[in-house]
Amino acid sequence: MVDGLVRTSVLDTSVKIQEKVREYEVTVVRSMVVVVAGAGVFMMATCGVILQFSAV
């Protein structure tokens, strides 16, 4: 009886941990996408400024 209870609580805990890990992964991926997009925009803006100055 106790063994069954321990097993179910362990399973519940592992499921909760997996959910947390998934949430964390989604957050990390989103932040990486934002960083990459920001870096791309920044690079494009910098190149545009350099081109304008070199054209002058």
PDB file of N, CA and C in Angstrom:
ATOM      1  N   MET A   1       0.839  -1.212   0.000  1.00  0.00           N
ATOM      2  CA  MET A   1       0.000   0.000   0.000  1.00  0.00           C
ATOM      3  C   MET A   1       0.871   1.259   0.000  1.00  0.00           C
ATOM      4  N   VAL A   2       1.806   1.299   0.926  1.00  0.00           N
ATOM      5  CA  VAL A   2       2.711   2.458   1.019  1.00  0.00           C
ATOM      6  C   VAL A   2       3.566   2.546  -0.242  1.00  0.00           C
ATOM      7  N   ASP A   3       4.000   1.371  -0.727  1.00  0.00           N
ATOM      8  CA  ASP A   3       4.836   1.339  -1.929  1.00  0.00           C
ATOM      9  C   ASP A   3       4.104   1.993  -3.101  1.00  0.00           C
ATOM     10  N   GLY A   4       2.822   1.687  -3.255  1.00  0.00           N
ATOM     11  CA  GLY A   4       2.026   2.275  -4.336  1.00  0.00           C
ATOM     12  C   GLY A   4       1.932   3.776  -4.190  1.00  0.00           C
ATOM     13  N   LEU A   5       1.728   4.241  -2.947  1.00  0.00           N
ATOM     14  CA  LEU A   5       1.640   5.686  -2.709  1.00  0.00           C
ATOM     15  C   LEU A   5       2.955   6.370  -3.064  1.00  0.00           C
ATOM     16  N   VAL A   6       4.059   5.758  -2.672  1.00  0.00           N
ATOM     17  CA  VAL A   6       5.379   6.334  -2.960  1.00  0.00           C
ATOM     18  C   VAL A   6       5.580   6.413  -4.463  1.00  0.00           C
ATOM     19  N   ARG A   7       5.211   5.350  -5.164  1.00  0.00           N
ATOM     20  CA  ARG A   7       5.383   5.344  -6.626  1.00  0.00           C
ATOM     21  C   ARG A   7       4.586   6.457  -7.281  1.00  0.00           C
ATOM     22  N   THR A   8       3.319   6.603  -6.881  1.00  0.00           N
ATOM     23  CA  THR A   8       2.491   7.634  -7.521  1.00  0.00           C
ATOM     24  C   THR A   8       3.037   9.021  -7.218  1.00  0.00           C
ATOM     25  N   SER A   9       3.509   9.258  -5.991  1.00  0.00           N
ATOM     26  CA  SER A   9       4.043  10.586  -5.663  1.00  0.00           C
ATOM     27  C   SER A   9       5.316  10.851  -6.455  1.00  0.00           C
ATOM     28  N   VAL A  10       6.144   9.823  -6.635  1.00  0.00           N
ATOM     29  CA  VAL A  10       7.372   9.986  -7.425  1.00  0.00           C
ATOM     30  C   VAL A  10       7.002  10.300  -8.873  1.00  0.00           C
ATOM     31  N   LEU A  11       6.010   9.592  -9.408  1.00  0.00           N
ATOM     32  CA  LEU A  11       5.572   9.851 -10.782  1.00  0.00           C
ATOM     33  C   LEU A  11       5.042  11.269 -10.911  1.00  0.00           C
ATOM     34  N   ASP A  12       4.211  11.695  -9.949  1.00  0.00           N
ATOM     35  CA  ASP A  12       3.673  13.055  -9.965  1.00  0.00           C
ATOM     36  C   ASP A  12       4.812  14.072  -9.972  1.00  0.00           C
ATOM     37  N   THR A  13       5.790  13.835  -9.102  1.00  0.00           N
ATOM     38  CA  THR A  13       6.922  14.772  -9.009  1.00  0.00           C
ATOM     39  C   THR A  13       7.678  14.826 -10.326  1.00  0.00           C
ATOM     40  N   SER A  14       7.960  13.678 -10.924  1.00  0.00           N
ATOM     41  CA  SER A  14       8.720  13.664 -12.183  1.00  0.00           C
ATOM     42  C   SER A  14       7.931  14.352 -13.297  1.00  0.00           C
ATOM     43  N   VAL A  15       6.618  14.159 -13.308  1.00  0.00           N
ATOM     44  CA  VAL A  15       5.786  14.822 -14.322  1.00  0.00           C
ATOM     45  C   VAL A  15       5.844  16.328 -14.132  1.00  0.00           C
ATOM     46  N   LYS A  16       5.761  16.778 -12.871  1.00  0.00           N
ATOM     47  CA  LYS A  16       5.821  18.218 -12.601  1.00  0.00           C
ATOM     48  C   LYS A  16       7.171  18.778 -13.015  1.00  0.00           C
ATOM     49  N   ILE A  17       8.233  18.039 -12.731  1.00  0.00           N
ATOM     50  CA  ILE A  17       9.579  18.489 -13.112  1.00  0.00           C
ATOM     51  C   ILE A  17       9.672  18.598 -14.630  1.00  0.00           C
ATOM     52  N   GLN A  18       9.150  17.600 -15.346  1.00  0.00           N
ATOM     53  CA  GLN A  18       9.191  17.638 -16.807  1.00  0.00           C
ATOM     54  C   GLN A  18       8.430  18.847 -17.340  1.00  0.00           C
ATOM     55  N   GLU A  19       7.280  19.169 -16.725  1.00  0.00           N
ATOM     56  CA  GLU A  19       6.507  20.330 -17.164  1.00  0.00           C
ATOM     57  C   GLU A  19       7.314  21.603 -16.965  1.00  0.00           C
ATOM     58  N   LYS A  20       7.966  21.707 -15.798  1.00  0.00           N
ATOM     59  CA  LYS A  20       8.780  22.891 -15.512  1.00  0.00           C
ATOM     60  C   LYS A  20       9.918  23.007 -16.527  1.00  0.00           C
ATOM     61  N   VAL A  21      10.560  21.873 -16.834  1.00  0.00           N
ATOM     62  CA  VAL A  21      11.660  21.868 -17.792  1.00  0.00           C
ATOM     63  C   VAL A  21      11.156  22.335 -19.156  1.00  0.00           C
ATOM     64  N   ARG A  22       9.987  21.862 -19.543  1.00  0.00           N
ATOM     65  CA  ARG A  22       9.417  22.267 -20.834  1.00  0.00           C
ATOM     66  C   ARG A  22       9.158  23.763 -20.858  1.00  0.00           C
ATOM     67  N   GLU A  23       8.562  24.287 -19.781  1.00  0.00           N
ATOM     68  CA  GLU A  23       8.307  25.731 -19.704  1.00  0.00           C
ATOM     69  C   GLU A  23       9.622  26.492 -19.828  1.00  0.00           C
ATOM     70  N   TYR A  24      10.646  25.999 -19.128  1.00  0.00           N
ATOM     71  CA  TYR A  24      11.962  26.651 -19.150  1.00  0.00           C
ATOM     72  C   TYR A  24      12.533  26.642 -20.562  1.00  0.00           C
ATOM     73  N   GLU A  25      12.424  25.497 -21.238  1.00  0.00           N
ATOM     74  CA  GLU A  25      12.937  25.387 -22.608  1.00  0.00           C
ATOM     75  C   GLU A  25      12.222  26.373 -23.524  1.00  0.00           C
ATOM     76  N   VAL A  26      10.902  26.459 -23.409  1.00  0.00           N
ATOM     77  CA  VAL A  26      10.133  27.384 -24.251  1.00  0.00           C
ATOM     78  C   VAL A  26      10.592  28.819 -23.992  1.00  0.00           C
ATOM     79  N   THR A  27      10.780  29.154 -22.708  1.00  0.00           N
ATOM     80  CA  THR A  27      11.222  30.508 -22.354  1.00  0.00           C
ATOM     81  C   THR A  27      12.591  30.794 -22.952  1.00  0.00           C
ATOM     82  N   VAL A  28      13.506  29.837 -22.831  1.00  0.00           N
ATOM     83  CA  VAL A  28      14.868  30.018 -23.364  1.00  0.00           C
ATOM     84  C   VAL A  28      14.820  30.203 -24.875  1.00  0.00           C
ATOM     85  N   VAL A  29      14.034  29.364 -25.561  1.00  0.00           N
ATOM     86  CA  VAL A  29      13.950  29.464 -27.019  1.00  0.00           C
ATOM     87  C   VAL A  29      13.384  30.819 -27.424  1.00  0.00           C
ATOM     88  N   ARG A  30      12.335  31.271 -26.716  1.00  0.00           N
ATOM     89  CA  ARG A  30      11.734  32.563 -27.044  1.00  0.00           C
ATOM     90  C   ARG A  30      12.738  33.690 -26.855  1.00  0.00           C
ATOM     91  N   SER A  31      13.438  33.667 -25.729  1.00  0.00           N
ATOM     92  CA  SER A  31      14.400  34.746 -25.468  1.00  0.00           C
ATOM     93  C   SER A  31      15.529  34.713 -26.491  1.00  0.00           C
ATOM     94  N   MET A  32      15.951  33.507 -26.913  1.00  0.00           N
ATOM     95  CA  MET A  32      17.009  33.412 -27.923  1.00  0.00           C
ATOM     96  C   MET A  32      16.524  33.987 -29.247  1.00  0.00           C
ATOM     97  N   VAL A  33      15.285  33.694 -29.609  1.00  0.00           N
ATOM     98  CA  VAL A  33      14.729  34.231 -30.857  1.00  0.00           C
ATOM     99  C   VAL A  33      14.703  35.756 -30.795  1.00  0.00           C
ATOM    100  N   VAL A  34      14.277  36.291 -29.642  1.00  0.00           N
ATOM    101  CA  VAL A  34      14.224  37.747 -29.480  1.00  0.00           C
ATOM    102  C   VAL A  34      15.624  38.341 -29.602  1.00  0.00           C
ATOM    103  N   VAL A  35      16.604  37.698 -28.956  1.00  0.00           N
ATOM    104  CA  VAL A  35      17.986  38.199 -29.003  1.00  0.00           C
ATOM    105  C   VAL A  35      18.521  38.164 -30.431  1.00  0.00           C
ATOM    106  N   VAL A  36      18.289  37.052 -31.131  1.00  0.00           N
ATOM    107  CA  VAL A  36      18.781  36.924 -32.503  1.00  0.00           C
ATOM    108  C   VAL A  36      18.114  37.959 -33.415  1.00  0.00           C
ATOM    109  N   ALA A  37      16.811  38.131 -33.253  1.00  0.00           N
ATOM    110  CA  ALA A  37      16.098  39.113 -34.072  1.00  0.00           C
ATOM    111  C   ALA A  37      16.613  40.514 -33.776  1.00  0.00           C
ATOM    112  N   GLY A  38      16.808  40.822 -32.479  1.00  0.00           N
ATOM    113  CA  GLY A  38      17.333  42.131 -32.100  1.00  0.00           C
ATOM    114  C   GLY A  38      18.719  42.362 -32.678  1.00  0.00           C
ATOM    115  N   ALA A  39      19.564  41.339 -32.614  1.00  0.00           N
ATOM    116  CA  ALA A  39      20.923  41.457 -33.152  1.00  0.00           C
ATOM    117  C   ALA A  39      20.872  41.683 -34.660  1.00  0.00           C
ATOM    118  N   GLY A  40      19.984  40.981 -35.357  1.00  0.00           N
ATOM    119  CA  GLY A  40      19.852  41.147 -36.800  1.00  0.00           C
ATOM    120  C   GLY A  40      19.426  42.558 -37.162  1.00  0.00           C
ATOM    121  N   VAL A  41      18.433  43.090 -36.439  1.00  0.00           N
ATOM    122  CA  VAL A  41      17.969  44.457 -36.701  1.00  0.00           C
ATOM    123  C   VAL A  41      19.094  45.443 -36.421  1.00  0.00           C
ATOM    124  N   PHE A  42      19.805  45.216 -35.311  1.00  0.00           N
ATOM    125  CA  PHE A  42      20.910  46.110 -34.935  1.00  0.00           C
ATOM    126  C   PHE A  42      21.992  46.106 -36.016  1.00  0.00           C
ATOM    127  N   MET A  43      22.331  44.908 -36.519  1.00  0.00           N
ATOM    128  CA  MET A  43      23.363  44.799 -37.553  1.00  0.00           C
ATOM    129  C   MET A  43      22.915  45.529 -38.818  1.00  0.00           C
ATOM    130  N   MET A  44      21.647  45.354 -39.198  1.00  0.00           N
ATOM    131  CA  MET A  44      21.138  46.005 -40.400  1.00  0.00           C
ATOM    132  C   MET A  44      21.184  47.524 -40.243  1.00  0.00           C
ATOM    133  N   ALA A  45      20.795  48.002 -39.049  1.00  0.00           N
ATOM    134  CA  ALA A  45      20.814  49.445 -38.799  1.00  0.00           C
ATOM    135  C   ALA A  45      22.246  49.970 -38.860  1.00  0.00           C
ATOM    136  N   THR A  46      23.164  49.225 -38.262  1.00  0.00           N
ATOM    137  CA  THR A  46      24.573  49.646 -38.261  1.00  0.00           C
ATOM    138  C   THR A  46      25.113  49.687 -39.687  1.00  0.00           C
ATOM    139  N   CYS A  47      24.820  48.679 -40.470  1.00  0.00           N
ATOM    140  CA  CYS A  47      25.288  48.640 -41.860  1.00  0.00           C
ATOM    141  C   CYS A  47      24.698  49.809 -42.645  1.00  0.00           C
ATOM    142  N   GLY A  48      23.418  50.106 -42.400  1.00  0.00           N
ATOM    143  CA  GLY A  48      22.774  51.227 -43.088  1.00  0.00           C
ATOM    144  C   GLY A  48      23.452  52.540 -42.756  1.00  0.00           C
ATOM    145  N   VAL A  49      23.785  52.742 -41.485  1.00  0.00           N
ATOM    146  CA  VAL A  49      24.459  53.980 -41.060  1.00  0.00           C
ATOM    147  C   VAL A  49      25.840  54.064 -41.708  1.00  0.00           C
ATOM    148  N   ILE A  50      26.568  52.950 -41.706  1.00  0.00           N
ATOM    149  CA  ILE A  50      27.908  52.936 -42.305  1.00  0.00           C
ATOM    150  C   ILE A  50      27.825  53.247 -43.795  1.00  0.00           C
ATOM    151  N   LEU A  51      26.839  52.647 -44.461  1.00  0.00           N
ATOM    152  CA  LEU A  51      26.679  52.887 -45.900  1.00  0.00           C
ATOM    153  C   LEU A  51      26.361  54.359 -46.156  1.00  0.00           C
ATOM    154  N   GLN A  52      25.520  54.959 -45.327  1.00  0.00           N
ATOM    155  CA  GLN A  52      25.165  56.369 -45.505  1.00  0.00           C
ATOM    156  C   GLN A  52      26.405  57.242 -45.358  1.00  0.00           C
ATOM    157  N   PHE A  53      27.205  56.937 -44.329  1.00  0.00           N
ATOM    158  CA  PHE A  53      28.407  57.752 -44.100  1.00  0.00           C
ATOM    159  C   PHE A  53      29.411  57.564 -45.228  1.00  0.00           C
ATOM    160  N   SER A  54      29.547  56.329 -45.715  1.00  0.00           N
ATOM    161  CA  SER A  54      30.525  56.084 -46.787  1.00  0.00           C
ATOM    162  C   SER A  54      30.034  56.694 -48.103  1.00  0.00           C
ATOM    163  N   ALA A  55      28.716  56.777 -48.268  1.00  0.00           N
ATOM    164  CA  ALA A  55      28.173  57.391 -49.488  1.00  0.00           C
ATOM    165  C   ALA A  55      28.461  58.884 -49.472  1.00  0.00           C
ATOM    166  N   VAL A  56      28.438  59.501 -48.298  1.00  0.00           N
ATOM    167  CA  VAL A  56      28.730  60.931 -48.172  1.00  0.00           C
ATOM    168  C   VAL A  56      30.238  61.105 -48.250  1.00  0.00           C
TER     169      VAL A  56
END
